[in-house]
Amino acid sequence: MVKALHAAAAEANGEVVPDDFLVGENLTLVEDPHVLCGHFEEGFLSLPEEVIVAVMRGHQRYFAVRAPNGGALMPRYLCVVNTANDPTTILRGNDRVLRARLSDARFFVDEDRKKKLSERVARLDGIVFQVKLGSVGEKVRRVGRIVARSSEEEIAIETAALAKADLVSLIVGEFPELQGVMGRWYAQQEGLDARQADAIRDHYLPKGASDSVPTETLAAHLAVADRIDTLVGCFGVGIIPSGSADPFALRRAMLGIIRIALEGPINVELKSLVAEAHAAYVGQEKKLSSLDEVSAKLDEFARVRLKGFFGDKHTPDVIEACLAAWDGDSLRDLAARVNALSSMRAQPAFESLAVAFKRAYNISKDATPGIVQSALFDGDAERELATAFNALEGRIDEHVKAGQYSEALALIASDLRAPIDRFFTEVFVMVDDVNIRENRLRFLRHIATTLNRIAYFHMLAG
């Protein structure tokens, strides 16, 4: 059937608009598929392409045809029928039905254009977002508050207010899949800023794993604010995914935030963002659990998604080691840790270093913190390690504060490997002298704690 579709489109001097869903639908509807090529009046091409495709796809299960090399839509369509007998009669009927459908769509669009998007915003108060969380109008106002704190764009609040306005349009009521798409088109027709128009459409991205993320800052901020409002609100009233049940697509919302932060134009400080979203529930605070409770649950929820996100390229132990050291805020900071540790771990010389750090942590993890006294160091190996570490500690701290984890790990590998190997070869930590023993444990604890600011090396396998 697919070959027949391409052949029919080529015969009409065009190419079929790919649609796997329609292929599957038609294969289940037709036993002996034949492809016919019909047409409609060119005047309908004044409608947005997405509307024409939606009419064909949703109502008639027709394939759209566009000019070669991704050109504009042509006034043609492809239909799959069960018989090739009397194609003229079949197409006459199909043309008539499609014409009526497109006429309805044009009426909807013309009626919608009689009101500006800003004039539709008030009607969003009549659409329920979630019973405990109020209307879509209330959600839009919360998103505006979040965007006001996170975006430096002067038009961000106005764009947030308009982002859902097309939900009350006639055309989106008929074709819900056009939400955002029609909002953008109406915004363009009104002469709104191009960034605003694009953000109205793109704040829904990514819709799925195969979708790209918003590429513009304004759209990215709006997309993140919309998703975090949903997450904080739902978790705040106890709507948390369990098993396969996820009616508000919260897993997808969190993964969308992660992807926007790591693939898009803005960073996301997740912990701070959750606090902003919780604070945006002005007048609705009593409906939600406390910020601490919501933040803790969302932190756990995010970490599960992050393990899956990084799991395609990095080993589980590297991810776990970095997650343990991460404070739950900047997503790009976490990515920098994972990339740096994964790259360093691939170097053969790093294995023995990691083993030594794990040993330092395990032997000192129960030690009482305190001041390390250099006067109690005994032997050249212990003094050498202390000298090397003291020379590096400040530089490691600077790199960690700057998020330069590759640089920090490179310093550690080059300057600490030999001294710490020698230390564990020549020094017996658990000596009888309690003062020397406790001082050594405090010293090793201090080294482990410093390195744990990058990643928990003791969690690495091997």
Protein backbone atom coordinates (compact mmCIF):
# COMPACT_ATOMS: atom_id res chain seq x y z
CA MET A 1 0.00 0.00 0.00
CA VAL A 2 2.81 2.42 0.83
CA LYS A 3 4.34 1.90 -2.62
CA ALA A 4 0.95 2.57 -4.18
CA LEU A 5 0.62 5.80 -2.19
CA HIS A 6 3.99 7.06 -3.38
CA ALA A 7 3.21 6.06 -6.96
CA ALA A 8 -0.15 7.86 -6.92
CA ALA A 9 1.44 11.00 -5.45
CA ALA A 10 4.19 10.94 -8.07
CA GLU A 11 1.60 10.60 -10.83
CA ALA A 12 0.02 13.82 -9.48
CA ASN A 13 3.48 15.48 -9.61
CA GLY A 14 3.71 15.56 -5.83
CA GLU A 15 4.79 13.48 -2.84
CA VAL A 16 2.70 11.93 -0.10
CA VAL A 17 2.86 13.46 3.37
CA PRO A 18 4.12 10.53 5.52
CA ASP A 19 1.74 9.32 8.23
CA ASP A 20 2.34 5.98 9.92
CA PHE A 21 -0.92 6.27 11.84
CA LEU A 22 -2.95 6.56 8.63
CA VAL A 23 -1.12 3.64 7.07
CA GLY A 24 -2.05 1.47 10.03
CA GLU A 25 -5.64 2.74 10.09
CA ASN A 26 -6.22 2.09 6.41
CA LEU A 27 -4.67 -1.35 6.56
CA THR A 28 -7.17 -2.33 9.25
CA LEU A 29 -10.10 -0.81 7.35
CA VAL A 30 -9.44 -2.18 3.87
CA GLU A 31 -8.86 -5.81 2.84
CA ASP A 32 -7.77 -5.18 -0.76
CA PRO A 33 -6.30 -1.66 -0.79
CA HIS A 34 -6.35 0.51 -3.89
CA VAL A 35 -5.18 4.12 -3.94
CA LEU A 36 -7.12 6.88 -5.68
CA CYS A 37 -6.14 10.52 -6.03
CA GLY A 38 -8.86 13.14 -5.53
CA HIS A 39 -8.82 16.91 -5.41
CA PHE A 40 -10.33 19.94 -3.69
CA GLU A 41 -10.63 23.61 -4.57
CA GLU A 42 -7.41 25.63 -4.40
CA GLY A 43 -9.22 28.29 -2.36
CA PHE A 44 -9.03 26.01 0.68
CA LEU A 45 -5.23 26.28 0.58
CA SER A 46 -5.61 29.65 2.32
CA LEU A 47 -6.27 27.64 5.47
CA PRO A 48 -3.25 26.69 7.60
CA GLU A 49 -1.70 23.49 6.26
CA GLU A 50 -2.14 21.83 9.62
CA VAL A 51 -5.90 22.38 9.45
CA ILE A 52 -6.18 20.85 5.98
CA VAL A 53 -4.13 17.82 7.04
CA ALA A 54 -6.16 17.45 10.25
CA VAL A 55 -9.44 17.48 8.30
CA MET A 56 -8.19 14.83 5.88
CA ARG A 57 -6.62 12.74 8.58
CA GLY A 58 -9.19 12.98 11.35
CA HIS A 59 -12.44 12.75 9.45
CA GLN A 60 -11.67 10.93 6.22
CA ARG A 61 -8.42 9.03 6.80
CA TYR A 62 -7.00 10.64 3.64
CA PHE A 63 -3.33 11.31 2.94
CA ALA A 64 -2.23 14.84 2.06
CA VAL A 65 -0.03 15.56 -0.95
CA ARG A 66 2.56 18.29 -1.18
CA ALA A 67 4.80 19.62 -3.92
CA PRO A 68 8.15 17.84 -4.40
CA ASN A 69 11.05 18.39 -2.02
CA GLY A 70 8.86 19.37 0.91
CA GLY A 71 6.96 22.06 -0.95
CA ALA A 72 3.54 23.49 -0.15
CA LEU A 73 0.40 21.38 0.04
CA MET A 74 -1.28 20.66 -3.26
CA PRO A 75 -5.08 20.64 -3.73
CA ARG A 76 -4.97 16.86 -3.94
CA TYR A 77 -5.48 13.96 -1.56
CA LEU A 78 -4.99 10.20 -1.59
CA CYS A 79 -7.67 7.81 -0.39
CA VAL A 80 -7.40 4.08 0.12
CA VAL A 81 -10.44 2.11 -1.07
CA ASN A 82 -11.41 -1.53 -1.14
CA THR A 83 -12.17 -1.68 -4.84
CA ALA A 84 -10.92 -0.03 -7.99
CA ASN A 85 -14.31 -0.37 -9.70
CA ASP A 86 -15.80 2.93 -10.86
CA PRO A 87 -13.13 5.23 -9.38
CA THR A 88 -14.82 8.29 -10.89
CA THR A 89 -17.96 7.79 -8.81
CA ILE A 90 -15.91 7.08 -5.67
CA LEU A 91 -13.84 10.22 -6.07
CA ARG A 92 -16.89 12.36 -6.86
CA GLY A 93 -18.40 11.35 -3.52
CA ASN A 94 -15.13 11.72 -1.62
CA ASP A 95 -14.47 15.15 -3.14
CA ARG A 96 -17.92 16.30 -2.06
CA VAL A 97 -17.47 15.07 1.53
CA LEU A 98 -14.00 16.58 1.86
CA ARG A 99 -15.26 19.88 0.43
CA ALA A 100 -17.94 19.99 3.12
CA ARG A 101 -15.42 19.21 5.86
CA LEU A 102 -13.02 21.87 4.66
CA SER A 103 -15.87 24.38 4.42
CA ASP A 104 -16.70 23.69 8.06
CA ALA A 105 -13.06 24.18 9.02
CA ARG A 106 -12.91 27.48 7.13
CA PHE A 107 -16.04 28.64 8.95
CA PHE A 108 -14.45 27.76 12.31
CA VAL A 109 -11.27 29.63 11.45
CA ASP A 110 -13.14 32.68 10.14
CA GLU A 111 -15.27 32.81 13.29
CA ASP A 112 -12.23 32.40 15.52
CA ARG A 113 -10.49 35.31 13.86
CA LYS A 114 -13.29 37.66 14.88
CA LYS A 115 -11.79 37.66 18.38
CA LYS A 116 -8.20 38.21 19.39
CA LEU A 117 -6.40 35.65 21.52
CA SER A 118 -6.36 38.14 24.41
CA GLU A 119 -10.15 38.31 24.27
CA ARG A 120 -10.39 34.56 24.77
CA VAL A 121 -8.23 34.32 27.87
CA ALA A 122 -11.09 35.00 30.30
CA ARG A 123 -12.98 31.95 28.99
CA LEU A 124 -10.19 29.69 30.23
CA ASP A 125 -11.66 30.10 33.72
CA GLY A 126 -14.51 27.93 32.50
CA ILE A 127 -12.29 24.96 31.66
CA VAL A 128 -11.36 22.65 34.52
CA PHE A 129 -7.68 21.78 34.69
CA GLN A 130 -8.01 19.53 37.72
CA VAL A 131 -10.80 19.57 40.30
CA LYS A 132 -8.53 20.36 43.25
CA LEU A 133 -6.25 22.67 41.29
CA GLY A 134 -8.88 24.80 39.61
CA SER A 135 -9.30 25.99 36.04
CA VAL A 136 -7.00 26.34 33.07
CA GLY A 137 -7.28 30.09 33.62
CA GLU A 138 -5.83 29.72 37.11
CA LYS A 139 -3.07 27.51 35.72
CA VAL A 140 -2.21 30.12 33.09
CA ARG A 141 -1.88 32.80 35.77
CA ARG A 142 0.38 30.56 37.85
CA VAL A 143 2.55 29.86 34.82
CA GLY A 144 2.81 33.61 34.33
CA ARG A 145 4.10 34.04 37.88
CA ILE A 146 6.69 31.31 37.37
CA VAL A 147 7.86 32.73 34.05
CA ALA A 148 8.08 36.21 35.59
CA ARG A 149 10.70 34.88 38.02
CA SER A 150 12.66 32.71 35.60
CA SER A 151 12.65 34.62 32.31
CA GLU A 152 14.24 37.95 31.49
CA GLU A 153 11.99 38.38 28.45
CA GLU A 154 9.71 41.39 28.87
CA ILE A 155 6.97 39.69 26.88
CA ALA A 156 7.14 36.44 28.86
CA ILE A 157 4.15 37.13 31.14
CA GLU A 158 1.98 38.28 28.23
CA THR A 159 2.96 35.19 26.24
CA ALA A 160 2.12 32.93 29.18
CA ALA A 161 -1.35 34.49 29.33
CA LEU A 162 -1.95 33.82 25.63
CA ALA A 163 -0.39 30.37 25.44
CA LYS A 164 -3.61 28.42 26.11
CA ALA A 165 -6.08 30.88 24.59
CA ASP A 166 -6.66 28.76 21.49
CA LEU A 167 -8.13 26.00 23.67
CA VAL A 168 -11.45 27.88 23.54
CA SER A 169 -11.34 28.37 19.77
CA LEU A 170 -13.79 26.53 17.52
CA ILE A 171 -11.11 24.89 15.41
CA VAL A 172 -9.20 23.45 18.40
CA GLY A 173 -12.52 22.29 19.85
CA GLU A 174 -12.96 20.26 16.68
CA PHE A 175 -9.31 19.22 16.36
CA PRO A 176 -7.63 19.19 19.82
CA GLU A 177 -4.34 18.11 18.27
CA LEU A 178 -4.04 21.63 16.79
CA GLN A 179 -3.64 23.30 20.19
CA GLY A 180 -0.63 25.58 20.07
CA VAL A 181 -0.42 25.29 16.29
CA MET A 182 -3.55 27.41 15.84
CA GLY A 183 -2.58 29.69 18.69
CA ARG A 184 0.62 30.47 16.81
CA TRP A 185 -1.24 31.02 13.54
CA TYR A 186 -3.78 33.35 15.14
CA ALA A 187 -0.96 35.24 16.86
CA GLN A 188 0.76 35.68 13.50
CA GLN A 189 -2.45 36.95 11.94
CA GLU A 190 -2.76 39.48 14.76
CA GLY A 191 0.77 40.70 14.14
CA LEU A 192 2.18 39.63 17.51
CA ASP A 193 5.92 39.31 18.05
CA ALA A 194 7.30 36.28 16.17
CA ARG A 195 8.89 34.95 19.36
CA GLN A 196 5.52 35.06 21.09
CA ALA A 197 3.80 33.25 18.27
CA ASP A 198 6.46 30.54 18.16
CA ALA A 199 6.40 30.15 21.95
CA ILE A 200 2.63 29.58 21.93
CA ARG A 201 3.19 26.61 19.64
CA ASP A 202 6.52 25.36 20.94
CA HIS A 203 5.77 25.38 24.67
CA TYR A 204 4.04 22.04 24.08
CA LEU A 205 7.35 20.55 22.91
CA PRO A 206 8.58 17.92 23.34
CA LYS A 207 5.35 15.97 23.04
CA GLY A 208 7.14 12.63 22.80
CA ALA A 209 10.54 10.99 22.71
CA SER A 210 10.98 11.66 19.00
CA ASP A 211 10.10 15.37 19.24
CA SER A 212 12.68 18.12 19.36
CA VAL A 213 12.76 20.58 22.26
CA PRO A 214 12.04 24.33 21.99
CA THR A 215 15.00 26.12 20.47
CA GLU A 216 14.14 29.67 21.58
CA THR A 217 14.60 30.92 25.14
CA LEU A 218 11.08 32.31 25.53
CA ALA A 219 9.44 29.08 24.41
CA ALA A 220 11.74 27.01 26.62
CA HIS A 221 10.94 29.05 29.74
CA LEU A 222 7.23 28.77 29.02
CA ALA A 223 7.46 25.02 28.38
CA VAL A 224 9.29 24.42 31.66
CA ALA A 225 6.93 26.67 33.66
CA ASP A 226 3.86 24.91 32.25
CA ARG A 227 5.22 21.47 33.13
CA ILE A 228 6.51 22.33 36.61
CA ASP A 229 3.13 23.85 37.51
CA THR A 230 1.45 20.59 36.57
CA LEU A 231 4.00 18.52 38.49
CA VAL A 232 3.95 20.59 41.67
CA GLY A 233 0.16 20.85 41.65
CA CYS A 234 -0.46 17.16 41.06
CA PHE A 235 2.16 15.98 43.55
CA GLY A 236 0.85 18.57 46.01
CA VAL A 237 -2.64 17.06 45.99
CA GLY A 238 -1.44 13.47 45.94
CA ILE A 239 -1.73 12.69 42.23
CA ILE A 240 1.45 10.65 41.78
CA PRO A 241 1.99 8.10 38.99
CA SER A 242 1.85 4.48 40.06
CA GLY A 243 2.39 1.55 37.76
CA SER A 244 1.01 2.40 34.33
CA ALA A 245 -1.46 4.97 35.69
CA ASP A 246 -0.36 8.48 34.77
CA PRO A 247 -3.43 10.44 33.60
CA PHE A 248 -1.66 13.81 33.66
CA ALA A 249 1.43 12.48 31.83
CA LEU A 250 3.66 13.51 34.74
CA ARG A 251 6.51 11.22 33.73
CA ARG A 252 6.54 12.81 30.30
CA ALA A 253 6.36 16.28 31.87
CA MET A 254 9.44 15.67 34.02
CA LEU A 255 11.36 14.12 31.15
CA GLY A 256 10.40 17.13 29.04
CA ILE A 257 11.93 19.48 31.62
CA ILE A 258 15.09 17.36 31.72
CA ARG A 259 15.40 17.34 27.93
CA ILE A 260 14.78 21.08 27.63
CA ALA A 261 17.50 21.75 30.21
CA LEU A 262 20.05 19.41 28.65
CA GLU A 263 19.20 19.76 24.95
CA GLY A 264 17.64 23.22 24.78
CA PRO A 265 18.67 26.86 25.27
CA ILE A 266 18.14 27.21 29.05
CA ASN A 267 19.39 25.54 32.19
CA VAL A 268 16.88 24.43 34.82
CA GLU A 269 17.55 24.65 38.54
CA LEU A 270 15.01 22.07 39.54
CA LYS A 271 14.89 22.55 43.30
CA SER A 272 14.54 26.32 42.93
CA LEU A 273 11.94 25.90 40.21
CA VAL A 274 9.80 23.64 42.41
CA ALA A 275 9.87 26.30 45.13
CA GLU A 276 8.82 28.98 42.63
CA ALA A 277 5.98 26.82 41.32
CA HIS A 278 4.78 26.06 44.86
CA ALA A 279 4.82 29.77 45.71
CA ALA A 280 2.82 30.53 42.54
CA TYR A 281 -0.25 28.87 44.12
CA VAL A 282 -1.20 32.19 45.70
CA GLY A 283 -4.47 31.78 47.55
CA GLN A 284 -4.40 28.02 46.94
CA GLU A 285 -1.58 27.08 49.31
CA LYS A 286 -3.83 25.11 51.64
CA LYS A 287 -4.73 22.75 48.82
CA LEU A 288 -1.13 21.55 48.53
CA SER A 289 1.19 19.59 50.75
CA SER A 290 4.09 21.55 52.23
CA LEU A 291 6.94 22.67 49.99
CA ASP A 292 9.34 20.31 51.78
CA GLU A 293 7.09 17.32 51.15
CA VAL A 294 6.40 18.17 47.50
CA SER A 295 10.07 18.96 46.87
CA ALA A 296 11.22 15.66 48.37
CA LYS A 297 8.77 13.61 46.31
CA LEU A 298 9.58 15.43 43.10
CA ASP A 299 13.31 15.09 43.75
CA GLU A 300 12.91 11.32 43.99
CA PHE A 301 10.67 11.31 40.92
CA ALA A 302 13.19 13.37 38.91
CA ARG A 303 16.11 11.14 39.88
CA VAL A 304 14.36 8.07 38.49
CA ARG A 305 13.77 9.89 35.19
CA LEU A 306 17.39 11.11 35.16
CA LYS A 307 18.69 7.55 35.55
CA GLY A 308 16.71 6.58 32.49
CA PHE A 309 17.78 9.65 30.53
CA PHE A 310 21.51 9.15 31.15
CA GLY A 311 21.28 5.36 31.01
CA ASP A 312 21.62 5.17 27.23
CA LYS A 313 25.15 6.58 27.29
CA HIS A 314 26.55 6.00 30.78
CA THR A 315 26.87 3.08 33.18
CA PRO A 316 24.47 2.85 36.14
CA ASP A 317 27.20 3.17 38.79
CA VAL A 318 28.55 6.41 37.28
CA ILE A 319 25.04 7.85 37.24
CA GLU A 320 24.38 6.78 40.82
CA ALA A 321 27.72 8.17 42.02
CA CYS A 322 26.99 11.57 40.48
CA LEU A 323 23.36 11.67 41.61
CA ALA A 324 24.52 11.05 45.18
CA ALA A 325 26.80 14.10 45.05
CA TRP A 326 24.28 16.32 43.24
CA ASP A 327 22.18 18.76 45.28
CA GLY A 328 19.06 18.32 43.14
CA ASP A 329 19.17 21.78 41.59
CA SER A 330 21.01 22.54 38.33
CA LEU A 331 20.35 19.85 35.73
CA ARG A 332 23.30 20.95 33.63
CA ASP A 333 25.54 20.66 36.68
CA LEU A 334 24.50 17.02 37.03
CA ALA A 335 25.15 16.40 33.34
CA ALA A 336 28.62 17.91 33.69
CA ARG A 337 29.39 15.54 36.58
CA VAL A 338 28.18 12.47 34.70
CA ASN A 339 30.05 13.34 31.51
CA ALA A 340 33.26 14.15 33.37
CA LEU A 341 33.27 11.04 35.54
CA SER A 342 32.28 8.77 32.67
CA SER A 343 35.09 10.15 30.51
CA MET A 344 37.68 9.91 33.28
CA ARG A 345 36.60 6.44 34.27
CA ALA A 346 37.27 5.20 30.74
CA GLN A 347 40.99 5.89 31.28
CA PRO A 348 42.89 2.82 32.57
CA ALA A 349 44.85 4.82 35.14
CA PHE A 350 41.69 5.91 36.89
CA GLU A 351 40.70 2.45 38.12
CA SER A 352 43.38 2.18 40.79
CA LEU A 353 42.68 5.74 41.90
CA ALA A 354 38.98 4.99 42.33
CA VAL A 355 39.84 1.89 44.35
CA ALA A 356 42.01 3.98 46.67
CA PHE A 357 39.27 6.58 47.11
CA LYS A 358 36.73 3.88 47.91
CA ARG A 359 39.09 2.47 50.49
CA ALA A 360 39.59 5.93 52.01
CA TYR A 361 35.84 6.40 52.29
CA ASN A 362 35.05 2.96 53.66
CA ILE A 363 37.71 3.05 56.35
CA SER A 364 36.89 6.59 57.49
CA LYS A 365 33.12 6.94 57.00
CA ASP A 366 32.39 6.46 60.72
CA ALA A 367 35.22 8.66 61.90
CA THR A 368 34.41 11.71 64.00
CA PRO A 369 34.99 14.92 62.03
CA GLY A 370 37.63 17.22 63.44
CA ILE A 371 40.79 19.16 62.81
CA VAL A 372 43.60 17.19 61.18
CA GLN A 373 46.85 17.75 63.05
CA SER A 374 49.90 17.66 60.78
CA ALA A 375 52.14 17.19 63.81
CA LEU A 376 50.68 13.70 64.23
CA PHE A 377 51.62 12.58 60.72
CA ASP A 378 54.09 9.73 60.91
CA GLY A 379 56.24 8.71 57.97
CA ASP A 380 57.08 10.05 54.51
CA ALA A 381 54.09 8.43 52.76
CA GLU A 382 51.57 10.14 55.03
CA ARG A 383 53.32 13.50 54.77
CA GLU A 384 53.58 13.19 50.97
CA LEU A 385 49.84 12.59 50.65
CA ALA A 386 49.10 15.50 52.96
CA THR A 387 51.36 17.81 50.99
CA ALA A 388 49.81 16.79 47.67
CA PHE A 389 46.25 17.06 48.93
CA ASN A 390 46.80 20.42 50.64
CA ALA A 391 48.22 21.80 47.40
CA LEU A 392 45.19 20.56 45.44
CA GLU A 393 42.29 21.20 47.81
CA GLY A 394 41.85 24.87 46.98
CA ARG A 395 42.10 24.27 43.24
CA ILE A 396 39.62 21.40 43.42
CA ASP A 397 37.24 23.67 45.33
CA GLU A 398 37.51 26.37 42.65
CA HIS A 399 36.81 23.91 39.84
CA VAL A 400 33.83 22.37 41.67
CA LYS A 401 32.30 25.78 42.35
CA ALA A 402 32.65 26.59 38.65
CA GLY A 403 31.19 23.25 37.58
CA GLN A 404 34.50 22.29 35.95
CA TYR A 405 34.43 18.64 36.95
CA SER A 406 36.65 17.38 34.14
CA GLU A 407 39.38 19.79 35.23
CA ALA A 408 38.99 18.78 38.87
CA LEU A 409 39.19 15.08 38.05
CA ALA A 410 42.22 15.62 35.83
CA LEU A 411 44.05 17.33 38.72
CA ILE A 412 43.13 14.56 41.11
CA ALA A 413 44.27 11.85 38.70
CA SER A 414 47.58 13.53 37.92
CA ASP A 415 48.57 14.71 41.41
CA LEU A 416 46.91 12.36 43.90
CA ARG A 417 47.20 8.94 42.34
CA ALA A 418 50.79 8.19 43.29
CA PRO A 419 50.64 9.65 46.84
CA ILE A 420 47.43 7.86 47.80
CA ASP A 421 48.66 4.56 46.32
CA ARG A 422 51.87 4.89 48.35
CA PHE A 423 49.89 5.78 51.47
CA PHE A 424 47.82 2.60 51.39
CA THR A 425 50.87 0.53 50.51
CA GLU A 426 53.09 1.80 53.34
CA VAL A 427 50.75 3.15 56.03
CA PHE A 428 48.73 1.06 58.47
CA VAL A 429 45.79 3.24 59.48
CA MET A 430 44.42 1.35 62.47
CA VAL A 431 47.49 1.62 64.67
CA ASP A 432 47.31 1.16 68.47
CA ASP A 433 48.12 4.79 69.20
CA VAL A 434 44.61 6.29 69.41
CA ASN A 435 45.72 9.84 68.60
CA ILE A 436 47.57 8.85 65.43
CA ARG A 437 44.77 6.49 64.40
CA GLU A 438 42.00 9.05 64.88
CA ASN A 439 44.04 11.73 63.11
CA ARG A 440 44.58 9.46 60.11
CA LEU A 441 40.88 8.63 59.97
CA ARG A 442 39.96 12.30 60.10
CA PHE A 443 42.47 12.99 57.33
CA LEU A 444 41.07 10.27 55.09
CA ARG A 445 37.53 11.39 55.88
CA HIS A 446 38.45 14.92 54.83
CA ILE A 447 39.86 13.66 51.52
CA ALA A 448 36.76 11.51 50.87
CA THR A 449 34.40 14.37 51.76
CA THR A 450 36.21 16.71 49.40
CA LEU A 451 36.06 14.23 46.53
CA ASN A 452 32.41 13.47 47.29
CA ARG A 453 31.63 17.01 46.17
CA ILE A 454 32.25 15.73 42.64
CA ALA A 455 30.90 12.19 42.88
CA TYR A 456 30.67 9.38 45.41
CA PHE A 457 33.60 7.29 44.25
CA HIS A 458 32.78 4.51 46.68
CA MET A 459 29.62 3.83 44.66
CA LEU A 460 31.58 2.94 41.51
CA ALA A 461 31.59 -0.73 40.63
CA GLY A 462 34.81 -2.71 40.44
